[in-house]
């Protein structure tokens, strides 16, 4: 019986080996061409010539390079299929790209300061691989500088990755490596109407200043030259308005040059230290009066998503959700609860003694919400203060919103802007409902189509901008931008609160 099983096993092994013959990848065959399978009559003699360890060694030889390669290839294919089944292939936003291409200022025959002889300002090494709000802060100040200097701002795609592929991998799913800026916003920074010169796309810049222009001019010698400025000598710790004027004066030095670019390197023209300090507030008088911010608006794609979710938001009239002059949504408080990487980032902020973001520290905001941690001589209390305001626990969230409700008795409903796990969000919702709130919703409940899904953060922000009261995270650029937009729209400063 045992011999029969051994014969069957050896026969199957030889059969498997013969299925993938290759002189380049196969190791020594298990049996030579003159060998025959052992039978009951010759098994004993065969055992005389085969050591007990020879069979395992020969079985190991089945793991050839070809099989290893096929195994790796199979695992890779399985992974790709899983990714595609999980998230699918992201949309191309081809219609929005076509819209950007057809902007009326993308016309070489327009008179100066637009057209082929216009005056343009580009930041080719713009911020990428970061969240929308860090990028948006940079875009607003760069386009404000261009407006101040009388130049057309060159807007870029929102870029998550510089891979040559149209997608990248994030959270085990494909996401667009680049999105057209007009998928998020449609204000003057993205080419919307404003006094000339209007913002243009990076592709139009290439037509005027890049290889296309050199071919059109018949050679590099006749083409428009690109003037490159650097951030060398920038006053790093200056007030925001002083920094803006420094850049405006530097741009005057290039005269009427058509193509001007600022190469930032390790020192951005407007760095995160500026946005994280009150120095940025000195820019507010000019910025709030500028068309860059006064005419800022979210994209039609974002507005469509907000309108689609009118049943969840319950406006008195659906038109109130996107009408520029419409009053806030009555009874609604929107609160930003940042989770995810903030579990690590908040302790770092404590270690750095970081204050609130600049636009979360307007002097007109409620004094009770001002950043006022315990002194460094009380490290435990100071750390607890940071965590309560940066990464609050469920009970702290309930308590804080109850305080805000006491100051605003008309509040009845809560909208949560959060990247927390679904189970955690549900726990917060249950706790708030138990504290007497009429309704609690979150961005996870929004009905979004495929394209809107990748701009969901902007949808959240548009809703928070419309709420009667907004409660933000003082350390967050998302919250800071919402406060800035609400202030720009003339909403009551006291309607902007901090956790």
Protein backbone atom coordinates (compact mmCIF):
# COMPACT_ATOMS: atom_id res chain seq x y z
CA UNK A 1 0.00 0.00 0.00
CA UNK A 2 2.79 2.42 0.99
CA UNK A 3 4.75 1.61 -2.17
CA UNK A 4 1.69 2.30 -4.32
CA UNK A 5 1.23 5.74 -2.70
CA UNK A 6 4.91 6.55 -3.26
CA UNK A 7 4.67 5.54 -6.89
CA UNK A 8 1.61 7.74 -7.37
CA UNK A 9 3.36 10.71 -5.72
CA UNK A 10 6.45 10.39 -7.87
CA UNK A 11 4.35 10.06 -10.97
CA UNK A 12 2.45 13.28 -10.15
CA UNK A 13 5.71 15.18 -9.43
CA UNK A 14 7.20 14.10 -12.77
CA UNK A 15 4.00 15.06 -14.51
CA UNK A 16 4.09 18.55 -12.99
CA UNK A 17 7.73 18.97 -13.89
CA UNK A 18 7.14 18.08 -17.52
CA UNK A 19 4.47 20.80 -17.88
CA UNK A 20 7.02 23.65 -17.92
CA UNK A 21 10.11 22.47 -19.78
CA UNK A 22 12.80 25.10 -20.30
CA UNK A 23 16.54 24.65 -20.71
CA UNK A 24 17.08 28.15 -19.27
CA UNK A 25 14.99 28.06 -16.11
CA UNK A 26 14.51 24.40 -15.18
CA UNK A 27 16.95 22.80 -12.76
CA UNK A 28 18.09 19.17 -13.02
CA UNK A 29 15.08 16.95 -13.86
CA UNK A 30 13.73 14.75 -11.15
CA UNK A 31 14.35 11.62 -13.23
CA UNK A 32 16.71 11.03 -16.15
CA UNK A 33 15.40 9.96 -19.52
CA UNK A 34 16.35 6.37 -18.80
CA UNK A 35 14.66 6.23 -15.46
CA UNK A 36 11.36 4.47 -15.05
CA UNK A 37 8.83 4.88 -12.32
CA UNK A 38 9.38 2.43 -9.49
CA UNK A 39 7.03 -0.49 -9.32
CA UNK A 40 6.35 -3.04 -6.63
CA UNK A 41 8.90 -5.39 -8.20
CA UNK A 42 11.85 -2.99 -8.22
CA UNK A 43 11.02 -0.70 -5.30
CA UNK A 44 13.37 -2.48 -2.97
CA UNK A 45 16.34 -2.22 -5.34
CA UNK A 46 15.50 1.44 -5.96
CA UNK A 47 15.62 2.20 -2.26
CA UNK A 48 19.19 0.87 -2.20
CA UNK A 49 20.33 3.69 -4.50
CA UNK A 50 18.21 6.55 -3.05
CA UNK A 51 19.09 8.19 0.23
CA UNK A 52 16.22 9.14 2.58
CA UNK A 53 16.81 12.86 1.97
CA UNK A 54 16.92 12.75 -1.84
CA UNK A 55 13.17 13.13 -2.37
CA UNK A 56 12.87 16.46 -0.46
CA UNK A 57 15.87 17.80 -2.34
CA UNK A 58 14.33 16.89 -5.65
CA UNK A 59 10.99 18.38 -4.64
CA UNK A 60 12.76 21.67 -3.84
CA UNK A 61 13.99 21.75 -7.40
CA UNK A 62 10.40 22.24 -8.51
CA UNK A 63 10.65 25.83 -7.24
CA UNK A 64 12.33 27.07 -10.38
CA UNK A 65 12.95 30.64 -11.45
CA UNK A 66 10.06 30.39 -13.85
CA UNK A 67 7.66 29.32 -11.14
CA UNK A 68 8.90 32.03 -8.80
CA UNK A 69 8.41 34.61 -11.56
CA UNK A 70 4.94 33.29 -12.35
CA UNK A 71 4.01 33.36 -8.67
CA UNK A 72 5.12 36.97 -8.33
CA UNK A 73 3.34 37.93 -11.54
CA UNK A 74 0.19 36.20 -10.38
CA UNK A 75 0.28 37.99 -7.03
CA UNK A 76 0.76 41.33 -8.80
CA UNK A 77 -2.15 40.68 -11.15
CA UNK A 78 -4.31 39.67 -8.20
CA UNK A 79 -3.37 42.89 -6.41
CA UNK A 80 -4.19 45.04 -9.46
CA UNK A 81 -7.54 43.30 -9.93
CA UNK A 82 -8.33 43.79 -6.23
CA UNK A 83 -7.51 47.51 -6.46
CA UNK A 84 -9.70 47.92 -9.53
CA UNK A 85 -12.58 46.01 -7.95
CA UNK A 86 -12.24 48.03 -4.74
CA UNK A 87 -12.15 51.54 -6.18
CA UNK A 88 -12.38 51.28 -9.95
CA UNK A 89 -10.60 53.54 -12.43
CA UNK A 90 -10.84 57.24 -11.46
CA UNK A 91 -12.54 59.68 -13.84
CA UNK A 92 -10.46 61.72 -16.27
CA UNK A 93 -12.30 65.05 -15.84
CA UNK A 94 -11.89 65.51 -19.57
CA UNK A 95 -14.85 67.89 -19.79
CA UNK A 96 -13.34 70.20 -17.16
CA UNK A 97 -9.99 70.10 -18.93
CA UNK A 98 -11.75 71.03 -22.16
CA UNK A 99 -13.40 73.93 -20.31
CA UNK A 100 -10.03 75.19 -19.07
CA UNK A 101 -8.55 74.93 -22.54
CA UNK A 102 -11.42 76.99 -23.99
CA UNK A 103 -11.16 79.89 -21.53
CA UNK A 104 -11.40 83.13 -23.57
CA UNK A 105 -8.07 84.45 -22.29
CA UNK A 106 -6.34 81.48 -23.92
CA UNK A 107 -6.08 83.44 -27.15
CA UNK A 108 -2.71 84.44 -28.58
CA UNK A 109 -4.21 87.37 -30.51
CA UNK A 110 -5.50 89.23 -27.45
CA UNK A 111 -3.88 92.61 -26.80
CA UNK A 112 -1.37 93.09 -23.99
CA UNK A 113 -1.38 92.45 -21.03
CA UNK A 114 -2.92 89.22 -22.34
CA UNK A 115 -2.31 87.13 -25.46
CA UNK A 116 1.07 86.33 -26.98
CA UNK A 117 2.56 89.59 -25.63
CA UNK A 118 0.95 89.43 -22.20
CA UNK A 119 2.66 89.43 -18.85
CA UNK A 120 2.56 86.14 -16.98
CA UNK A 121 3.75 84.87 -13.61
CA UNK A 122 4.30 81.18 -12.97
CA UNK A 123 5.48 79.16 -9.96
CA UNK A 124 6.60 75.92 -11.66
CA UNK A 125 7.67 74.13 -8.47
CA UNK A 126 4.37 74.78 -6.74
CA UNK A 127 3.27 72.74 -3.74
CA UNK A 128 2.25 69.18 -4.61
CA UNK A 129 1.65 65.93 -2.77
CA UNK A 130 -0.12 67.83 0.03
CA UNK A 131 -3.74 68.25 1.03
CA UNK A 132 -6.03 70.63 -0.81
CA UNK A 133 -5.93 73.35 1.83
CA UNK A 134 -2.17 73.75 2.02
CA UNK A 135 -2.17 74.05 -1.76
CA UNK A 136 -5.14 76.42 -1.76
CA UNK A 137 -3.48 78.80 0.70
CA UNK A 138 -0.44 79.00 -1.57
CA UNK A 139 -2.59 79.51 -4.69
CA UNK A 140 -4.50 82.42 -3.16
CA UNK A 141 -1.37 84.33 -2.15
CA UNK A 142 0.48 83.58 -5.39
CA UNK A 143 -2.45 84.78 -7.47
CA UNK A 144 -2.80 87.82 -5.20
CA UNK A 145 0.86 88.63 -5.90
CA UNK A 146 0.28 88.28 -9.64
CA UNK A 147 -2.74 90.60 -9.39
CA UNK A 148 -0.76 93.12 -7.35
CA UNK A 149 2.05 93.07 -9.93
CA UNK A 150 -0.33 93.41 -12.89
CA UNK A 151 0.48 89.95 -14.24
CA UNK A 152 -1.61 86.95 -15.25
CA UNK A 153 -1.31 84.15 -12.71
CA UNK A 154 -0.47 80.77 -14.25
CA UNK A 155 -2.57 78.13 -12.51
CA UNK A 156 -1.60 74.47 -12.36
CA UNK A 157 -3.33 71.16 -11.81
CA UNK A 158 -3.85 70.03 -8.25
CA UNK A 159 -1.05 67.49 -8.21
CA UNK A 160 -0.82 64.52 -5.90
CA UNK A 161 1.94 62.68 -7.76
CA UNK A 162 4.36 63.38 -10.60
CA UNK A 163 4.19 59.80 -11.87
CA UNK A 164 3.83 59.61 -15.65
CA UNK A 165 0.63 57.59 -15.17
CA UNK A 166 -2.72 59.39 -14.80
CA UNK A 167 -3.32 57.62 -11.46
CA UNK A 168 -1.49 56.83 -8.28
CA UNK A 169 -2.20 54.44 -5.42
CA UNK A 170 -3.59 55.73 -2.14
CA UNK A 171 -5.37 53.77 0.61
CA UNK A 172 -5.29 50.62 -1.56
CA UNK A 173 -7.23 52.32 -4.36
CA UNK A 174 -6.39 54.31 -7.46
CA UNK A 175 -6.75 58.07 -7.28
CA UNK A 176 -6.04 60.71 -9.93
CA UNK A 177 -2.41 61.81 -9.91
CA UNK A 178 -3.54 65.24 -11.13
CA UNK A 179 -6.91 67.01 -11.12
CA UNK A 180 -7.79 70.18 -13.02
CA UNK A 181 -7.98 73.11 -10.62
CA UNK A 182 -11.48 73.94 -11.89
CA UNK A 183 -12.71 70.67 -10.43
CA UNK A 184 -12.28 72.37 -7.03
CA UNK A 185 -12.62 76.12 -7.53
CA UNK A 186 -13.78 78.54 -10.19
CA UNK A 187 -12.61 81.86 -8.83
CA UNK A 188 -10.16 84.29 -10.44
CA UNK A 189 -7.23 82.12 -9.33
CA UNK A 190 -8.53 79.43 -11.70
CA UNK A 191 -9.23 81.67 -14.67
CA UNK A 192 -12.64 83.10 -13.80
CA UNK A 193 -13.49 86.64 -14.97
CA UNK A 194 -11.61 89.53 -13.39
CA UNK A 195 -9.99 92.72 -14.69
CA UNK A 196 -7.24 91.88 -17.18
CA UNK A 197 -4.90 90.15 -17.06
CA UNK A 198 -6.85 87.01 -16.21
CA UNK A 199 -5.26 83.82 -14.94
CA UNK A 200 -4.20 81.28 -17.56
CA UNK A 201 -3.41 77.59 -17.47
CA UNK A 202 0.07 76.08 -17.47
CA UNK A 203 -0.68 74.66 -20.93
CA UNK A 204 -1.30 78.14 -22.32
CA UNK A 205 1.95 79.30 -20.70
CA UNK A 206 3.70 76.57 -22.71
CA UNK A 207 2.18 77.95 -25.88
CA UNK A 208 3.53 81.42 -25.14
CA UNK A 209 6.75 80.64 -23.30
CA UNK A 210 7.60 76.98 -23.87
CA UNK A 211 8.64 74.67 -26.69
CA UNK A 212 5.57 75.46 -28.79
CA UNK A 213 6.51 79.12 -28.78
CA UNK A 214 10.08 78.33 -29.87
CA UNK A 215 8.83 76.18 -32.74
CA UNK A 216 6.39 78.90 -33.76
CA UNK A 217 9.22 81.48 -33.68
CA UNK A 218 11.38 79.30 -35.88
CA UNK A 219 14.07 78.69 -33.28
CA UNK A 220 15.01 79.42 -29.71
CA UNK A 221 16.83 82.62 -30.66
CA UNK A 222 13.60 84.31 -31.79
CA UNK A 223 11.38 82.98 -29.00
CA UNK A 224 10.14 84.83 -25.93
CA UNK A 225 12.72 84.43 -23.20
CA UNK A 226 11.72 83.17 -19.77
CA UNK A 227 12.94 85.34 -16.91
CA UNK A 228 13.62 83.30 -13.79
CA UNK A 229 13.53 84.77 -10.29
CA UNK A 230 14.51 82.93 -7.11
CA UNK A 231 13.58 83.29 -3.45
CA UNK A 232 17.09 84.34 -2.49
CA UNK A 233 17.01 87.21 0.00
CA UNK A 234 13.32 86.83 0.83
CA UNK A 235 12.55 88.32 4.28
CA UNK A 236 11.43 85.09 5.94
CA UNK A 237 10.03 86.51 9.20
CA UNK A 238 8.46 89.64 7.76
CA UNK A 239 4.82 90.57 8.14
CA UNK A 240 2.66 89.28 5.30
CA UNK A 241 2.04 92.68 3.74
CA UNK A 242 5.77 93.50 3.85
CA UNK A 243 6.54 90.17 2.18
CA UNK A 244 3.94 90.78 -0.53
CA UNK A 245 5.38 94.22 -1.26
CA UNK A 246 8.92 92.78 -1.38
CA UNK A 247 7.83 90.38 -4.11
CA UNK A 248 5.92 93.09 -5.98
CA UNK A 249 9.04 95.28 -6.00
CA UNK A 250 11.15 92.36 -7.22
CA UNK A 251 8.76 91.76 -10.09
CA UNK A 252 9.06 95.40 -11.11
CA UNK A 253 12.73 94.75 -11.82
CA UNK A 254 11.85 92.57 -14.80
CA UNK A 255 9.87 95.35 -16.48
CA UNK A 256 7.40 94.23 -19.13
CA UNK A 257 8.91 90.78 -19.69
CA UNK A 258 6.27 88.40 -20.94
CA UNK A 259 7.33 85.15 -19.27
CA UNK A 260 8.39 85.35 -15.63
CA UNK A 261 8.71 82.37 -13.33
CA UNK A 262 9.65 82.11 -9.66
CA UNK A 263 11.73 79.06 -8.80
CA UNK A 264 11.21 78.49 -5.10
CA UNK A 265 13.42 75.54 -4.22
CA UNK A 266 13.58 74.90 -0.47
CA UNK A 267 12.22 78.34 0.39
CA UNK A 268 8.69 78.95 -0.93
CA UNK A 269 7.64 82.48 -1.75
CA UNK A 270 4.92 82.10 0.93
CA UNK A 271 5.80 79.32 3.33
CA UNK A 272 3.81 77.41 5.93
CA UNK A 273 5.35 79.43 8.75
CA UNK A 274 3.56 82.48 7.38
CA UNK A 275 0.18 80.74 7.30
CA UNK A 276 0.79 79.34 10.77
CA UNK A 277 1.36 82.75 12.35
CA UNK A 278 -0.52 86.00 12.82
CA UNK A 279 1.86 87.60 10.30
CA UNK A 280 -0.53 86.48 7.57
CA UNK A 281 -3.31 88.67 9.03
CA UNK A 282 -1.56 91.85 7.86
CA UNK A 283 -2.50 90.75 4.34
CA UNK A 284 -6.20 90.72 5.18
CA UNK A 285 -7.18 94.29 4.23
CA UNK A 286 -5.75 93.96 0.71
CA UNK A 287 -6.70 90.32 0.23
CA UNK A 288 -10.31 90.69 1.35
CA UNK A 289 -10.80 93.66 -1.02
CA UNK A 290 -9.12 91.89 -3.94
CA UNK A 291 -11.13 90.03 -6.61
CA UNK A 292 -8.93 87.02 -5.80
CA UNK A 293 -10.85 86.45 -2.55
CA UNK A 294 -13.92 88.66 -2.99
CA UNK A 295 -14.90 86.66 -6.10
CA UNK A 296 -13.70 83.29 -4.88
CA UNK A 297 -16.21 80.51 -5.47
CA UNK A 298 -16.30 76.75 -5.46
CA UNK A 299 -16.58 74.94 -8.77
CA UNK A 300 -19.90 74.01 -10.39
CA UNK A 301 -18.98 70.39 -9.65
CA UNK A 302 -18.81 71.17 -5.92
CA UNK A 303 -21.96 73.29 -5.98
CA UNK A 304 -23.82 70.52 -7.79
CA UNK A 305 -22.84 68.11 -5.02
CA UNK A 306 -24.07 70.51 -2.34
CA UNK A 307 -27.37 71.01 -4.15
CA UNK A 308 -27.78 67.25 -4.68
CA UNK A 309 -27.71 66.78 -0.91
CA UNK A 310 -30.41 69.35 -0.13
CA UNK A 311 -32.48 66.69 1.65
CA UNK A 312 -29.66 66.08 4.13
CA UNK A 313 -28.90 69.78 4.65
CA UNK A 314 -32.55 70.95 4.86
CA UNK A 315 -32.28 74.54 3.61
CA UNK A 316 -35.39 76.74 3.67
CA UNK A 317 -34.96 76.79 -0.11
CA UNK A 318 -32.61 74.59 -2.17
CA UNK A 319 -31.42 77.70 -4.04
CA UNK A 320 -30.08 79.00 -0.73
CA UNK A 321 -27.36 76.36 -0.80
CA UNK A 322 -25.34 78.00 -3.58
CA UNK A 323 -26.69 81.54 -4.07
CA UNK A 324 -23.84 83.97 -3.35
CA UNK A 325 -25.89 86.37 -1.25
CA UNK A 326 -28.04 83.81 0.54
CA UNK A 327 -28.08 83.82 4.35
CA UNK A 328 -26.51 80.95 6.32
CA UNK A 329 -28.37 77.69 6.84
CA UNK A 330 -30.40 78.36 9.99
CA UNK A 331 -29.97 76.04 12.95
CA UNK A 332 -26.94 74.25 11.49
CA UNK A 333 -23.55 74.06 13.19
CA UNK A 334 -20.70 72.51 11.19
CA UNK A 335 -17.78 71.13 13.19
CA UNK A 336 -14.40 69.99 11.89
CA UNK A 337 -13.13 66.85 13.63
CA UNK A 338 -9.76 65.97 12.15
CA UNK A 339 -8.64 62.43 12.89
CA UNK A 340 -6.29 60.13 10.95
CA UNK A 341 -2.73 61.47 10.97
CA UNK A 342 -3.62 64.02 13.67
CA UNK A 343 -3.26 61.25 16.25
CA UNK A 344 0.49 61.65 15.65
CA UNK A 345 0.54 65.27 14.52
CA UNK A 346 -1.13 66.77 17.60
CA UNK A 347 1.56 65.54 20.04
CA UNK A 348 4.15 66.97 17.64
CA UNK A 349 2.38 70.34 17.73
CA UNK A 350 2.63 70.23 21.52
CA UNK A 351 6.35 69.46 21.25
CA UNK A 352 6.84 72.36 18.83
CA UNK A 353 4.81 74.80 20.97
CA UNK A 354 2.79 75.49 17.82
CA UNK A 355 -0.06 78.04 18.04
CA UNK A 356 -3.29 78.08 16.03
CA UNK A 357 -3.15 78.80 12.31
CA UNK A 358 -3.04 82.48 11.41
CA UNK A 359 -6.56 82.80 9.98
CA UNK A 360 -7.94 81.08 13.09
CA UNK A 361 -6.65 84.04 15.13
CA UNK A 362 -8.53 87.02 13.73
CA UNK A 363 -8.83 89.63 16.45
CA UNK A 364 -12.59 89.78 15.83
CA UNK A 365 -13.14 86.11 16.73
CA UNK A 366 -14.59 85.32 20.18
CA UNK A 367 -11.99 86.06 22.85
CA UNK A 368 -13.04 82.96 24.77
CA UNK A 369 -11.68 80.80 21.94
CA UNK A 370 -8.23 82.39 21.86
CA UNK A 371 -5.22 80.10 22.04
CA UNK A 372 -4.18 80.16 25.70
CA UNK A 373 -2.40 76.97 26.84
CA UNK A 374 -1.02 76.49 30.37
CA UNK A 375 2.63 77.51 30.84
CA UNK A 376 5.49 75.15 30.01
CA UNK A 377 6.07 74.70 33.74
CA UNK A 378 2.90 72.56 33.71
CA UNK A 379 3.73 70.06 30.94
CA UNK A 380 0.90 67.60 31.67
CA UNK A 381 -1.76 70.30 31.71
CA UNK A 382 -0.25 71.90 28.61
CA UNK A 383 -0.26 68.62 26.70
CA UNK A 384 -3.86 67.93 27.76
CA UNK A 385 -4.83 71.39 26.46
CA UNK A 386 -3.27 70.66 23.06
CA UNK A 387 -4.98 67.28 22.77
CA UNK A 388 -8.40 68.60 23.84
CA UNK A 389 -8.33 71.31 21.18
CA UNK A 390 -6.48 69.32 18.48
CA UNK A 391 -7.70 65.74 18.93
CA UNK A 392 -10.71 65.87 21.28
CA UNK A 393 -12.33 62.76 22.71
CA UNK A 394 -16.02 62.04 22.27
CA UNK A 395 -17.08 63.50 25.63
CA UNK A 396 -15.06 66.67 24.97
CA UNK A 397 -16.75 67.12 21.60
CA UNK A 398 -20.20 66.79 23.18
CA UNK A 399 -19.28 69.27 25.91
CA UNK A 400 -17.81 71.81 23.48
CA UNK A 401 -20.82 71.76 21.18
CA UNK A 402 -23.12 72.15 24.18
CA UNK A 403 -21.20 75.33 25.07
CA UNK A 404 -21.59 76.63 21.51
CA UNK A 405 -25.31 75.84 21.61
CA UNK A 406 -25.72 77.83 24.83
CA UNK A 407 -24.21 80.84 23.05
CA UNK A 408 -26.42 80.20 19.98
CA UNK A 409 -29.78 78.85 21.24
CA UNK A 410 -31.18 78.49 17.71
CA UNK A 411 -28.78 75.67 16.81
CA UNK A 412 -30.52 72.31 16.40
CA UNK A 413 -28.54 70.30 13.87
CA UNK A 414 -24.89 69.23 13.53
CA UNK A 415 -22.83 68.52 10.42
CA UNK A 416 -19.54 66.69 11.00
CA UNK A 417 -16.56 67.32 8.70
CA UNK A 418 -14.33 64.40 9.57
CA UNK A 419 -11.98 61.78 8.21
CA UNK A 420 -12.64 59.49 11.16
CA UNK A 421 -13.60 55.84 10.81
CA UNK A 422 -17.29 55.14 10.34
CA UNK A 423 -17.65 53.41 13.71
CA UNK A 424 -16.05 56.37 15.49
CA UNK A 425 -18.31 58.84 13.65
CA UNK A 426 -21.35 56.80 14.61
CA UNK A 427 -20.25 56.91 18.25
CA UNK A 428 -19.96 60.70 18.12
CA UNK A 429 -23.35 60.92 16.44
CA UNK A 430 -25.02 58.78 19.11
CA UNK A 431 -23.43 60.82 21.89
CA UNK A 432 -24.59 64.12 20.36
CA UNK A 433 -28.10 62.82 19.78
CA UNK A 434 -28.13 61.75 23.41
CA UNK A 435 -27.23 65.33 24.36
CA UNK A 436 -30.36 66.71 22.75
CA UNK A 437 -29.37 67.58 19.19
CA UNK A 438 -32.23 67.19 16.74
CA UNK A 439 -30.16 65.74 13.90
CA UNK A 440 -26.49 64.84 13.37
CA UNK A 441 -25.05 64.16 9.91
CA UNK A 442 -21.58 63.76 8.44
CA UNK A 443 -19.83 64.03 5.10
CA UNK A 444 -19.80 60.25 4.94
CA UNK A 445 -23.55 60.36 4.26
CA UNK A 446 -23.31 62.64 1.23
CA UNK A 447 -24.53 61.31 -2.09
CA UNK A 448 -21.69 61.95 -4.53
CA UNK A 449 -21.06 60.84 -8.08
CA UNK A 450 -17.74 59.47 -9.30
CA UNK A 451 -16.20 62.87 -10.06
CA UNK A 452 -17.52 64.55 -6.92
CA UNK A 453 -16.03 61.81 -4.77
CA UNK A 454 -12.50 63.13 -5.40
CA UNK A 455 -13.46 66.69 -4.44
CA UNK A 456 -15.44 65.67 -1.36
CA UNK A 457 -13.28 67.83 0.92
CA UNK A 458 -14.30 70.91 -1.04
CA UNK A 459 -17.94 69.84 -0.74
CA UNK A 460 -17.55 69.61 3.03
CA UNK A 461 -15.99 73.07 3.09
CA UNK A 462 -18.76 74.58 0.97
CA UNK A 463 -21.33 73.24 3.44
CA UNK A 464 -19.37 74.53 6.45
CA UNK A 465 -19.14 77.91 4.75
CA UNK A 466 -22.96 78.00 4.63
CA UNK A 467 -23.60 76.88 8.22
CA UNK A 468 -25.03 79.31 10.77
CA UNK A 469 -22.05 78.51 13.02
CA UNK A 470 -18.74 76.85 12.24
CA UNK A 471 -16.57 75.19 14.91
CA UNK A 472 -13.05 74.59 13.59
CA UNK A 473 -9.83 72.95 14.64
CA UNK A 474 -7.44 75.80 15.40
CA UNK A 475 -4.43 73.83 14.17
CA UNK A 476 -5.96 72.92 10.80
CA UNK A 477 -5.47 74.70 7.46
CA UNK A 478 -8.91 73.43 6.38
CA UNK A 479 -10.55 75.16 9.34
CA UNK A 480 -8.44 78.29 8.79
CA UNK A 481 -9.56 78.51 5.16
CA UNK A 482 -13.22 78.08 6.09
CA UNK A 483 -12.92 80.88 8.65
CA UNK A 484 -11.21 83.05 6.02
CA UNK A 485 -13.96 82.43 3.44
CA UNK A 486 -16.71 83.10 6.00
CA UNK A 487 -15.03 86.35 7.04
CA UNK A 488 -14.64 87.34 3.38
CA UNK A 489 -18.39 86.82 2.86
CA UNK A 490 -19.15 89.14 5.75
CA UNK A 491 -20.55 86.54 8.14
CA UNK A 492 -20.59 87.51 11.78
CA UNK A 493 -17.12 86.89 13.28
CA UNK A 494 -18.76 85.43 16.41
CA UNK A 495 -20.19 82.65 14.20
CA UNK A 496 -16.68 81.25 13.83
CA UNK A 497 -15.70 79.19 16.86
CA UNK A 498 -12.74 76.98 17.76
CA UNK A 499 -12.85 73.57 19.43
